[in-house]
């Protein structure tokens, strides 16, 4: 699949994030004020938000199907390794699911990470052989980050 087709496929996907409050459905290029409000509520009072002017950085990563369809068992093993890697790094995360609009691809579990920067997301994406991850920060629309 060429780059333009891959880009179109990533954009024709819903990135679901399951939180204690509700399920949020994120789309590339579409800002979500309710999601931003949820993220601000999730941040512990008094916690430093760094030099981002109060913005909360986040990312969505999956370990599923890097470049080709793998068996269900292999994908599940890869996703468990991703979750273990995220936990070992001390990142806070919520589980979710990537759903293609055309239903040609099976649903892919994802991990939504809080307080990660693009460099960290690239490293994690490379580690799990992904072509791209989704990243964002409060006040902006989600976007693709090509690895």
Protein backbone atom coordinates (compact mmCIF):
# COMPACT_ATOMS: atom_id res chain seq x y z
CA UNK A 1 0.00 0.00 0.00
CA UNK A 2 1.46 3.38 -0.95
CA UNK A 3 1.78 6.33 1.41
CA UNK A 4 -1.35 8.12 0.13
CA UNK A 5 -3.46 4.98 0.58
CA UNK A 6 -2.04 4.40 4.07
CA UNK A 7 -2.74 8.00 5.02
CA UNK A 8 -6.32 7.67 3.77
CA UNK A 9 -6.78 4.42 5.73
CA UNK A 10 -5.52 5.99 8.98
CA UNK A 11 -7.86 8.96 8.43
CA UNK A 12 -10.81 6.64 7.74
CA UNK A 13 -10.52 5.17 11.23
CA UNK A 14 -12.17 5.93 14.56
CA UNK A 15 -9.78 5.90 17.51
CA UNK A 16 -11.83 4.95 20.55
CA UNK A 17 -10.58 5.67 24.05
CA UNK A 18 -12.34 3.94 26.94
CA UNK A 19 -12.25 6.05 30.11
CA UNK A 20 -13.99 5.79 33.47
CA UNK A 21 -16.20 8.68 32.35
CA UNK A 22 -17.22 7.47 28.87
CA UNK A 23 -15.96 6.23 25.51
CA UNK A 24 -14.50 9.00 23.35
CA UNK A 25 -14.30 8.59 19.58
CA UNK A 26 -11.40 10.55 18.12
CA UNK A 27 -10.72 11.29 14.45
CA UNK A 28 -7.60 12.60 12.75
CA UNK A 29 -8.00 16.35 12.15
CA UNK A 30 -11.13 16.74 14.31
CA UNK A 31 -10.80 18.57 17.64
CA UNK A 32 -12.96 17.36 20.53
CA UNK A 33 -13.64 19.91 23.28
CA UNK A 34 -15.36 17.31 25.49
CA UNK A 35 -12.29 15.08 25.30
CA UNK A 36 -10.03 18.02 26.18
CA UNK A 37 -12.24 18.82 29.17
CA UNK A 38 -12.01 15.19 30.31
CA UNK A 39 -8.20 15.29 30.06
CA UNK A 40 -8.01 18.45 32.16
CA UNK A 41 -10.21 16.81 34.81
CA UNK A 42 -7.89 13.79 34.83
CA UNK A 43 -4.80 15.84 35.59
CA UNK A 44 -4.03 15.88 39.30
CA UNK A 45 -4.44 19.31 40.90
CA UNK A 46 -1.13 21.02 41.33
CA UNK A 47 0.68 18.77 38.85
CA UNK A 48 3.05 20.63 36.58
CA UNK A 49 1.99 20.62 32.95
CA UNK A 50 5.47 21.58 31.81
CA UNK A 51 6.36 24.16 29.21
CA UNK A 52 3.41 23.39 26.95
CA UNK A 53 1.39 26.31 28.28
CA UNK A 54 -0.91 23.97 30.17
CA UNK A 55 -1.51 21.60 27.26
CA UNK A 56 -1.68 17.88 27.98
CA UNK A 57 0.19 15.75 25.44
CA UNK A 58 -1.08 12.31 24.56
CA UNK A 59 -0.75 9.49 22.05
CA UNK A 60 -2.47 6.37 20.76
CA UNK A 61 -0.40 3.29 19.95
CA UNK A 62 -1.25 -0.27 18.97
CA UNK A 63 1.00 -3.30 18.53
CA UNK A 64 -1.43 -4.93 16.08
CA UNK A 65 -0.71 -5.77 12.43
CA UNK A 66 2.56 -3.99 11.72
CA UNK A 67 2.61 -3.87 7.95
CA UNK A 68 0.54 -7.04 7.44
CA UNK A 69 -2.22 -9.07 9.03
CA UNK A 70 -0.92 -11.35 11.77
CA UNK A 71 -2.69 -14.16 13.56
CA UNK A 72 -5.03 -13.24 16.40
CA UNK A 73 -2.70 -14.98 18.86
CA UNK A 74 0.38 -13.07 17.63
CA UNK A 75 -1.47 -9.74 17.76
CA UNK A 76 -2.73 -10.43 21.29
CA UNK A 77 0.79 -11.34 22.44
CA UNK A 78 2.21 -8.17 20.88
CA UNK A 79 -0.49 -6.04 22.53
CA UNK A 80 0.24 -7.55 25.96
CA UNK A 81 3.94 -6.79 25.44
CA UNK A 82 3.03 -3.19 24.54
CA UNK A 83 0.91 -2.81 27.68
CA UNK A 84 3.71 -4.28 29.81
CA UNK A 85 6.22 -1.90 28.19
CA UNK A 86 3.97 1.10 28.87
CA UNK A 87 3.39 0.03 32.48
CA UNK A 88 7.13 -0.53 33.03
CA UNK A 89 7.81 3.00 31.75
CA UNK A 90 5.35 4.35 34.33
CA UNK A 91 3.02 5.96 31.79
CA UNK A 92 -0.65 6.28 32.59
CA UNK A 93 -2.87 4.78 29.91
CA UNK A 94 -6.40 3.81 28.97
CA UNK A 95 -7.30 0.97 26.64
CA UNK A 96 -9.29 1.53 23.49
CA UNK A 97 -9.85 0.30 19.98
CA UNK A 98 -9.12 1.45 16.43
CA UNK A 99 -12.06 0.82 14.09
CA UNK A 100 -11.78 1.23 10.32
CA UNK A 101 -14.80 2.91 8.71
CA UNK A 102 -14.99 0.31 5.92
CA UNK A 103 -14.77 -2.74 8.24
CA UNK A 104 -12.12 -4.24 5.92
CA UNK A 105 -9.66 -4.41 8.81
CA UNK A 106 -10.44 -6.10 12.11
CA UNK A 107 -10.73 -3.93 15.20
CA UNK A 108 -7.35 -3.24 16.76
CA UNK A 109 -6.94 -2.69 20.51
CA UNK A 110 -4.98 0.44 21.34
CA UNK A 111 -3.37 2.15 24.30
CA UNK A 112 -4.07 5.83 24.93
CA UNK A 113 -1.11 7.34 26.80
CA UNK A 114 -1.14 10.52 28.85
CA UNK A 115 1.83 12.89 29.16
CA UNK A 116 3.97 11.53 26.31
CA UNK A 117 5.82 13.54 23.72
CA UNK A 118 6.36 12.85 20.04
CA UNK A 119 9.86 11.48 20.57
CA UNK A 120 8.59 8.93 23.08
CA UNK A 121 5.73 7.96 20.77
CA UNK A 122 8.10 7.47 17.83
CA UNK A 123 10.33 5.21 19.91
CA UNK A 124 7.35 3.15 21.07
CA UNK A 125 5.92 2.96 17.55
CA UNK A 126 9.26 1.80 16.15
CA UNK A 127 9.64 -0.75 18.92
CA UNK A 128 6.34 -2.32 17.83
CA UNK A 129 6.98 -1.96 14.08
CA UNK A 130 4.22 0.57 13.45
CA UNK A 131 4.15 2.92 10.47
CA UNK A 132 2.40 5.73 12.37
CA UNK A 133 0.79 6.57 15.69
CA UNK A 134 -1.84 9.14 16.64
CA UNK A 135 -0.75 12.08 18.76
CA UNK A 136 -2.27 15.21 20.12
CA UNK A 137 -2.47 17.73 22.88
CA UNK A 138 -5.35 19.57 24.39
CA UNK A 139 -6.51 22.49 22.29
CA UNK A 140 -5.58 20.84 18.99
CA UNK A 141 -6.96 18.14 16.71
CA UNK A 142 -5.47 14.62 16.75
CA UNK A 143 -2.90 14.02 14.03
CA UNK A 144 -0.86 11.24 12.50
CA UNK A 145 2.76 10.98 13.51
CA UNK A 146 4.61 8.98 10.86
CA UNK A 147 7.40 6.83 12.25
